[in-house]
Amino acid sequence: MSIAYFPECDPTGSLHLGHYHGVLKNWVKLQHEFQCLFFVADWHALTTHYDTPEIIGQHVWDMLVDWLAAGVDPSQATLFIQSQCPNTLNCTCCCR
C-alpha cells in the first residue's frame, strides 16, 4: 500500500458537524484503502492564535479525541502532532 493521503487540520477551535461530514467521514473510509498520515498542524494554528498560543495545546488534544470518536483508527492510519515531529516542516513545505 503506498502513501496516498497526507492531510492536516489546524487546531484553531472545536470541531463541528461540517468537519465530520466534510472531512472525517472521508478519512475513515480512506484509512482502509490507503496508507494515511493524518496530522494536527499546531504550528499552523499559531497564525490564528498568535496572541493566545497557550490555548492551542488543549485544542490539539480535543481534536485528536474527536478524530478517534469519529472512527479514525490509529491501527489503520498514522496520527501525529506536527510540533512533535519537526521533520514534518520539510514535508509540508514541499507538498503545499
Foldseek 3Di string as FASTA:
>chain_A
DAEDEEDEDELQDADDVCCLVVPLVVLLVVLQVHAYEYEHEPVVNCVVPVVPSVCRVVSRVNVVVVSVVSRNDCVSYHYYYCVVPVCVVVVVVVPD
